[in-house]
């Protein structure tokens, strides 16, 4: 039986605090014995990012680098990383949440020098790599949000709301996928699948057309490239409730990659292994659908074409539908948006296209 979200959250908190305490104790021990403390940080260089065929995602190799307080050129970033570990420890202990932007401004209260937020964001990724844990486990979240709608009962586990239940079909605009929802216990659902869709406008259309009821589904708006909180929820819906996940994106190379990131992660997050749904199915819009459904199109740009060629070098796109559709994109040099189905009427995508694609997903 799956662990409850509450017990899982408690274990995650204990794990993070134990890891931080371990690193902190080592730094104190080094100082007590007259040694310069350091952090060993797994390398995130291209040469150390490898595709693991068993996990079906990118992971980091064995290369690592020392960031030492002895090296004057590294002392600034060492101090930044040490402060961030302290700040993450405080957030986790107090069960407080912070945004990436908050972290940047909070550092100023401790006279920690970051040139800009991008520098503090990079240090956060360093800490993720050191601990092999996502920033969300340390209560650090980005600003972006996506949405979810459907018959799913959840029970909150965040302080002040423990035990409160809600059904995610109660609000016609859907519910934002934030920290409290991502960490909630998934109590039960009548849904038989999850439909992840790239566009907010189509998410609203799907809610209006009661796709959740017609296809016994939970609908998730990924808001373009799915934020980590959304990918975490998709993984939990699949793993804990055994719901298959199908993905709908625009008919372009970037949509194809959005689907692949949900399925197998990204090279940028190769240091994390808890954000993928390897069995998710990308069902369109495929390049081959553009001609099959005679969709209105837009010419591919030079950037689109270059992106196709770049993805062809990625081992994940070397077989199956992923390889085939990249080749079709390069052949037709056209792309189409999900909204293009409106050429045939506002409900064409839910009345005709979606049923066919759901049936196809079951056979893949």
Protein backbone atom coordinates (compact mmCIF):
# COMPACT_ATOMS: atom_id res chain seq x y z
CA UNK A 1 0.00 0.00 0.00
CA UNK A 2 1.29 3.47 -0.89
CA UNK A 3 2.40 5.67 1.96
CA UNK A 4 0.15 8.56 2.79
CA UNK A 5 1.24 11.99 1.61
CA UNK A 6 1.57 13.08 5.22
CA UNK A 7 3.96 10.28 6.18
CA UNK A 8 5.85 10.73 2.91
CA UNK A 9 6.19 14.47 3.55
CA UNK A 10 7.45 13.78 7.09
CA UNK A 11 10.02 11.31 5.78
CA UNK A 12 11.15 13.79 3.10
CA UNK A 13 11.57 16.46 5.75
CA UNK A 14 13.59 14.13 7.96
CA UNK A 15 15.76 13.08 5.00
CA UNK A 16 16.51 16.69 4.04
CA UNK A 17 17.32 17.70 7.62
CA UNK A 18 19.55 14.62 8.06
CA UNK A 19 21.46 15.42 4.85
CA UNK A 20 21.91 19.07 5.80
CA UNK A 21 22.97 18.12 9.31
CA UNK A 22 25.50 15.66 7.90
CA UNK A 23 27.09 18.30 5.68
CA UNK A 24 26.98 20.90 8.44
CA UNK A 25 28.65 18.55 10.93
CA UNK A 26 31.41 17.81 8.43
CA UNK A 27 32.09 21.53 7.99
CA UNK A 28 32.27 22.04 11.78
CA UNK A 29 34.55 19.01 12.08
CA UNK A 30 36.89 20.41 9.40
CA UNK A 31 37.06 23.75 11.20
CA UNK A 32 37.70 22.08 14.58
CA UNK A 33 40.63 20.18 13.09
CA UNK A 34 42.11 23.15 11.26
CA UNK A 35 41.05 21.99 7.80
CA UNK A 36 39.50 24.13 5.08
CA UNK A 37 35.90 22.88 4.60
CA UNK A 38 34.60 22.10 1.14
CA UNK A 39 31.62 20.79 -0.77
CA UNK A 40 31.81 18.00 -3.32
CA UNK A 41 29.46 18.94 -6.15
CA UNK A 42 28.52 16.48 -8.90
CA UNK A 43 29.47 17.94 -12.27
CA UNK A 44 26.57 19.13 -14.40
CA UNK A 45 28.74 19.54 -17.48
CA UNK A 46 27.52 18.09 -20.78
CA UNK A 47 30.21 15.40 -20.62
CA UNK A 48 28.86 14.13 -17.28
CA UNK A 49 25.21 13.91 -18.33
CA UNK A 50 24.31 10.45 -19.59
CA UNK A 51 21.08 8.79 -20.65
CA UNK A 52 20.17 5.85 -18.41
CA UNK A 53 18.16 3.34 -20.47
CA UNK A 54 16.90 1.55 -17.36
CA UNK A 55 15.59 4.70 -15.68
CA UNK A 56 14.62 6.13 -19.08
CA UNK A 57 15.97 9.55 -18.21
CA UNK A 58 19.17 11.59 -18.10
CA UNK A 59 21.32 11.22 -14.98
CA UNK A 60 24.65 12.59 -13.80
CA UNK A 61 27.79 10.50 -14.18
CA UNK A 62 30.49 10.06 -11.54
CA UNK A 63 32.47 13.24 -12.16
CA UNK A 64 32.47 15.76 -9.34
CA UNK A 65 34.36 18.89 -8.33
CA UNK A 66 35.41 20.28 -4.98
CA UNK A 67 34.33 23.75 -4.01
CA UNK A 68 36.79 24.69 -1.31
CA UNK A 69 37.04 27.55 1.16
CA UNK A 70 40.82 27.29 0.69
CA UNK A 71 40.60 28.44 -2.92
CA UNK A 72 40.15 32.21 -2.91
CA UNK A 73 38.46 32.11 -6.33
CA UNK A 74 35.85 29.69 -4.92
CA UNK A 75 35.40 31.25 -1.50
CA UNK A 76 32.49 33.48 -2.57
CA UNK A 77 30.44 30.65 -4.12
CA UNK A 78 31.39 28.35 -1.20
CA UNK A 79 29.99 30.91 1.24
CA UNK A 80 26.84 31.33 -0.85
CA UNK A 81 26.28 27.58 -0.89
CA UNK A 82 26.89 27.25 2.85
CA UNK A 83 24.41 30.07 3.56
CA UNK A 84 21.82 28.47 1.28
CA UNK A 85 22.16 25.17 3.14
CA UNK A 86 21.53 27.07 6.39
CA UNK A 87 18.52 28.86 4.88
CA UNK A 88 17.09 25.61 3.46
CA UNK A 89 17.51 24.00 6.88
CA UNK A 90 15.53 26.80 8.50
CA UNK A 91 12.77 26.65 5.89
CA UNK A 92 12.46 22.88 6.26
CA UNK A 93 12.45 22.94 10.06
CA UNK A 94 9.87 25.71 10.24
CA UNK A 95 7.82 24.29 7.33
CA UNK A 96 7.90 27.67 5.61
CA UNK A 97 7.88 28.11 1.84
CA UNK A 98 10.02 30.48 -0.18
CA UNK A 99 10.09 31.38 -3.85
CA UNK A 100 13.29 31.58 -5.86
CA UNK A 101 12.87 35.35 -5.74
CA UNK A 102 12.47 35.27 -1.95
CA UNK A 103 15.76 33.41 -1.60
CA UNK A 104 17.56 36.09 -3.58
CA UNK A 105 16.22 38.91 -1.38
CA UNK A 106 16.55 36.94 1.88
CA UNK A 107 20.27 36.58 1.24
CA UNK A 108 20.65 40.34 1.54
CA UNK A 109 19.54 40.24 5.18
CA UNK A 110 22.61 38.06 5.86
CA UNK A 111 24.96 40.18 3.71
CA UNK A 112 25.35 37.32 1.24
CA UNK A 113 26.40 38.77 -2.08
CA UNK A 114 24.53 37.61 -5.19
CA UNK A 115 24.92 39.73 -8.33
CA UNK A 116 21.38 38.86 -9.44
CA UNK A 117 18.72 36.20 -9.08
CA UNK A 118 20.20 33.99 -11.78
CA UNK A 119 23.31 33.61 -9.65
CA UNK A 120 21.30 32.60 -6.58
CA UNK A 121 19.22 30.22 -8.76
CA UNK A 122 22.44 28.51 -9.87
CA UNK A 123 23.56 28.07 -6.26
CA UNK A 124 20.19 26.46 -5.50
CA UNK A 125 20.83 23.95 -8.29
CA UNK A 126 24.28 23.31 -6.77
CA UNK A 127 22.64 22.45 -3.46
CA UNK A 128 20.17 20.17 -5.23
CA UNK A 129 23.11 18.35 -6.81
CA UNK A 130 24.96 18.07 -3.48
CA UNK A 131 21.92 16.60 -1.71
CA UNK A 132 20.46 14.80 -4.76
CA UNK A 133 17.11 16.29 -3.72
CA UNK A 134 14.86 18.81 -5.51
CA UNK A 135 14.57 22.36 -4.21
CA UNK A 136 10.86 21.75 -3.57
CA UNK A 137 11.81 19.23 -0.86
CA UNK A 138 13.59 22.17 0.79
CA UNK A 139 10.44 24.31 0.49
CA UNK A 140 11.84 26.47 -2.33
CA UNK A 141 9.45 26.96 -5.23
CA UNK A 142 9.35 28.88 -8.52
CA UNK A 143 6.65 31.45 -9.26
CA UNK A 144 5.02 29.67 -12.18
CA UNK A 145 1.80 27.76 -11.74
CA UNK A 146 -0.31 25.42 -13.81
CA UNK A 147 -3.76 24.01 -13.10
CA UNK A 148 -5.68 20.80 -12.50
CA UNK A 149 -9.37 19.90 -12.73
CA UNK A 150 -11.30 16.70 -12.22
CA UNK A 151 -12.84 14.27 -9.76
CA UNK A 152 -9.98 13.92 -7.33
CA UNK A 153 -10.38 14.12 -3.57
CA UNK A 154 -7.32 15.45 -1.79
CA UNK A 155 -6.46 15.96 1.87
CA UNK A 156 -4.10 18.78 2.77
CA UNK A 157 -1.01 18.09 4.86
CA UNK A 158 0.40 21.63 5.12
CA UNK A 159 0.36 23.33 8.55
CA UNK A 160 -2.97 24.94 9.37
CA UNK A 161 -4.87 22.87 6.82
CA UNK A 162 -4.08 19.32 7.94
CA UNK A 163 -7.03 17.01 7.42
CA UNK A 164 -9.07 19.41 5.29
CA UNK A 165 -10.45 17.76 2.17
CA UNK A 166 -11.40 19.13 -1.21
CA UNK A 167 -12.52 17.81 -4.57
CA UNK A 168 -10.66 19.27 -7.54
CA UNK A 169 -13.82 19.52 -9.65
CA UNK A 170 -15.31 22.16 -7.34
CA UNK A 171 -13.93 25.19 -9.21
CA UNK A 172 -14.60 25.74 -12.94
CA UNK A 173 -11.24 27.46 -13.46
CA UNK A 174 -9.37 24.53 -11.95
CA UNK A 175 -6.96 24.71 -9.03
CA UNK A 176 -3.43 26.07 -9.15
CA UNK A 177 -0.79 23.37 -8.70
CA UNK A 178 1.26 24.77 -5.88
CA UNK A 179 3.12 23.41 -2.84
CA UNK A 180 0.01 22.63 -0.79
CA UNK A 181 -1.66 20.71 -3.59
CA UNK A 182 1.49 18.89 -4.66
CA UNK A 183 2.08 17.64 -1.11
CA UNK A 184 -1.56 16.75 -0.39
CA UNK A 185 -2.71 13.19 0.11
CA UNK A 186 -4.50 11.80 -2.95
CA UNK A 187 -7.55 10.26 -1.31
CA UNK A 188 -9.52 8.90 -4.23
CA UNK A 189 -10.81 9.42 -7.75
CA UNK A 190 -13.26 8.00 -10.28
CA UNK A 191 -10.91 9.01 -13.10
CA UNK A 192 -9.30 6.41 -15.32
CA UNK A 193 -6.65 8.59 -16.93
CA UNK A 194 -4.86 11.93 -16.82
CA UNK A 195 -4.88 14.28 -19.81
CA UNK A 196 -2.00 16.77 -19.69
CA UNK A 197 -2.49 19.63 -22.13
CA UNK A 198 0.00 22.36 -23.01
CA UNK A 199 -2.37 25.31 -23.43
CA UNK A 200 -4.46 27.13 -20.82
CA UNK A 201 -7.12 28.08 -23.38
CA UNK A 202 -7.68 24.45 -24.33
CA UNK A 203 -7.68 23.48 -20.65
CA UNK A 204 -10.63 25.85 -20.18
CA UNK A 205 -12.32 24.41 -23.27
CA UNK A 206 -11.88 20.88 -21.93
CA UNK A 207 -13.45 21.88 -18.61
CA UNK A 208 -16.37 23.55 -20.42
CA UNK A 209 -16.91 20.48 -22.59
CA UNK A 210 -16.79 18.24 -19.50
CA UNK A 211 -13.94 16.17 -20.84
CA UNK A 212 -13.37 15.01 -17.28
CA UNK A 213 -16.77 13.30 -17.25
CA UNK A 214 -16.87 12.17 -20.89
CA UNK A 215 -13.50 10.46 -20.68
CA UNK A 216 -13.29 9.82 -16.92
CA UNK A 217 -10.19 11.94 -16.69
CA UNK A 218 -8.26 14.42 -14.62
CA UNK A 219 -7.21 17.39 -16.78
CA UNK A 220 -3.89 19.12 -16.18
CA UNK A 221 -2.82 22.39 -17.81
CA UNK A 222 0.97 22.25 -18.00
CA UNK A 223 1.25 25.95 -18.86
CA UNK A 224 3.75 25.24 -21.62
CA UNK A 225 6.86 23.48 -20.35
CA UNK A 226 5.52 21.81 -17.21
CA UNK A 227 6.88 23.25 -13.94
CA UNK A 228 8.36 20.78 -11.49
CA UNK A 229 5.30 20.92 -9.24
CA UNK A 230 3.15 19.82 -12.18
CA UNK A 231 5.54 17.04 -13.13
CA UNK A 232 5.53 15.90 -9.50
CA UNK A 233 1.73 15.77 -9.45
CA UNK A 234 1.62 13.88 -12.78
CA UNK A 235 4.07 11.33 -11.40
CA UNK A 236 2.06 10.90 -8.21
CA UNK A 237 -1.21 10.49 -10.12
CA UNK A 238 0.43 7.79 -12.21
CA UNK A 239 2.37 6.00 -9.47
CA UNK A 240 -0.06 6.25 -6.55
CA UNK A 241 -3.40 6.01 -8.36
CA UNK A 242 -2.22 3.91 -11.34
CA UNK A 243 -3.61 6.42 -13.82
CA UNK A 244 -2.17 6.42 -17.36
CA UNK A 245 -0.97 9.86 -18.50
CA UNK A 246 -1.50 11.12 -22.04
CA UNK A 247 -0.03 14.38 -23.32
CA UNK A 248 -1.44 16.85 -25.85
CA UNK A 249 0.79 19.64 -27.17
CA UNK A 250 0.99 22.05 -30.07
CA UNK A 251 2.09 20.44 -33.32
CA UNK A 252 5.64 21.75 -33.28
CA UNK A 253 9.06 20.60 -32.20
CA UNK A 254 8.80 22.44 -28.90
CA UNK A 255 5.52 20.66 -28.12
CA UNK A 256 7.20 17.33 -28.80
CA UNK A 257 9.94 18.26 -26.35
CA UNK A 258 7.40 19.37 -23.71
CA UNK A 259 5.98 15.85 -23.88
CA UNK A 260 9.42 14.27 -23.66
CA UNK A 261 10.34 16.28 -20.55
CA UNK A 262 7.21 14.98 -18.78
CA UNK A 263 8.09 11.47 -19.88
CA UNK A 264 11.83 11.37 -19.22
CA UNK A 265 12.97 14.65 -17.69
CA UNK A 266 15.59 17.05 -19.00
CA UNK A 267 19.36 17.26 -19.10
CA UNK A 268 19.15 20.36 -16.88
CA UNK A 269 17.57 18.26 -14.11
CA UNK A 270 19.78 15.20 -14.59
CA UNK A 271 20.73 15.42 -10.90
CA UNK A 272 17.12 14.58 -9.92
CA UNK A 273 15.22 11.32 -10.39
CA UNK A 274 11.75 12.02 -9.02
CA UNK A 275 10.09 14.06 -11.75
CA UNK A 276 9.40 11.69 -14.63
CA UNK A 277 6.53 9.56 -15.91
CA UNK A 278 8.33 7.12 -18.23
CA UNK A 279 5.09 5.43 -19.30
CA UNK A 280 3.36 8.68 -20.31
CA UNK A 281 2.10 8.72 -23.90
CA UNK A 282 2.48 11.67 -26.27
CA UNK A 283 -0.53 11.43 -28.59
CA UNK A 284 -0.28 14.69 -30.52
CA UNK A 285 -0.51 17.04 -32.12
CA UNK A 286 1.92 15.08 -34.28
CA UNK A 287 3.52 16.47 -37.41
CA UNK A 288 1.72 13.72 -39.32
CA UNK A 289 -1.61 14.95 -37.87
CA UNK A 290 -1.17 18.29 -39.65
CA UNK A 291 -1.81 16.73 -43.06
CA UNK A 292 -4.12 13.98 -41.78
CA UNK A 293 -6.53 16.53 -40.32
CA UNK A 294 -5.79 19.29 -42.86
CA UNK A 295 -4.96 21.79 -40.16
CA UNK A 296 -4.13 25.48 -40.68
CA UNK A 297 -0.36 25.82 -40.37
CA UNK A 298 2.46 28.26 -39.78
CA UNK A 299 5.85 27.98 -41.53
CA UNK A 300 8.63 26.61 -39.36
CA UNK A 301 11.35 29.12 -38.58
CA UNK A 302 15.09 28.56 -38.90
CA UNK A 303 15.11 28.19 -35.13
CA UNK A 304 12.44 25.46 -35.32
CA UNK A 305 14.44 23.56 -37.93
CA UNK A 306 17.64 23.86 -35.91
CA UNK A 307 15.78 22.56 -32.86
CA UNK A 308 14.66 19.51 -34.84
CA UNK A 309 18.24 18.75 -35.81
CA UNK A 310 19.39 19.25 -32.21
CA UNK A 311 16.80 16.79 -30.90
CA UNK A 312 17.79 14.22 -33.50
CA UNK A 313 21.14 14.01 -31.67
CA UNK A 314 19.32 13.15 -28.42
CA UNK A 315 19.09 9.34 -27.92
CA UNK A 316 15.51 9.64 -26.71
CA UNK A 317 14.45 10.77 -30.19
CA UNK A 318 16.24 7.98 -32.04
CA UNK A 319 13.31 5.59 -32.32
CA UNK A 320 9.54 5.23 -32.52
CA UNK A 321 7.07 8.06 -32.84
CA UNK A 322 9.66 10.57 -31.58
CA UNK A 323 12.02 9.89 -34.47
CA UNK A 324 9.26 9.62 -37.06
CA UNK A 325 7.58 12.91 -36.17
CA UNK A 326 10.82 14.89 -36.17
CA UNK A 327 11.45 13.59 -39.68
CA UNK A 328 7.95 14.66 -40.75
CA UNK A 329 8.44 18.13 -39.30
CA UNK A 330 11.65 18.50 -41.30
CA UNK A 331 9.90 17.25 -44.42
CA UNK A 332 6.81 19.50 -44.33
CA UNK A 333 8.49 22.44 -42.54
CA UNK A 334 5.10 23.48 -41.15
CA UNK A 335 3.68 23.57 -37.64
CA UNK A 336 0.19 23.89 -36.13
CA UNK A 337 -1.32 24.90 -32.80
CA UNK A 338 -3.88 22.94 -30.82
CA UNK A 339 -6.35 25.75 -31.50
CA UNK A 340 -6.12 24.99 -35.24
CA UNK A 341 -8.88 22.39 -34.82
CA UNK A 342 -11.28 25.31 -34.28
CA UNK A 343 -11.29 25.60 -38.08
CA UNK A 344 -13.85 22.80 -37.94
CA UNK A 345 -15.79 24.17 -34.94
CA UNK A 346 -15.01 24.98 -31.33
CA UNK A 347 -15.74 21.45 -30.10
CA UNK A 348 -14.07 19.52 -32.92
CA UNK A 349 -10.97 18.82 -30.84
CA UNK A 350 -13.01 17.23 -28.03
CA UNK A 351 -15.64 15.59 -30.25
CA UNK A 352 -13.41 14.08 -32.91
CA UNK A 353 -9.67 14.37 -32.31
CA UNK A 354 -9.48 13.55 -28.60
CA UNK A 355 -11.53 10.30 -28.73
CA UNK A 356 -9.36 9.01 -31.56
CA UNK A 357 -6.19 9.88 -29.71
CA UNK A 358 -7.34 8.32 -26.45
CA UNK A 359 -8.14 5.12 -28.30
CA UNK A 360 -4.72 5.24 -29.92
CA UNK A 361 -3.02 5.75 -26.54
CA UNK A 362 -4.59 2.54 -25.26
CA UNK A 363 -2.97 0.61 -28.08
CA UNK A 364 0.51 2.13 -27.75
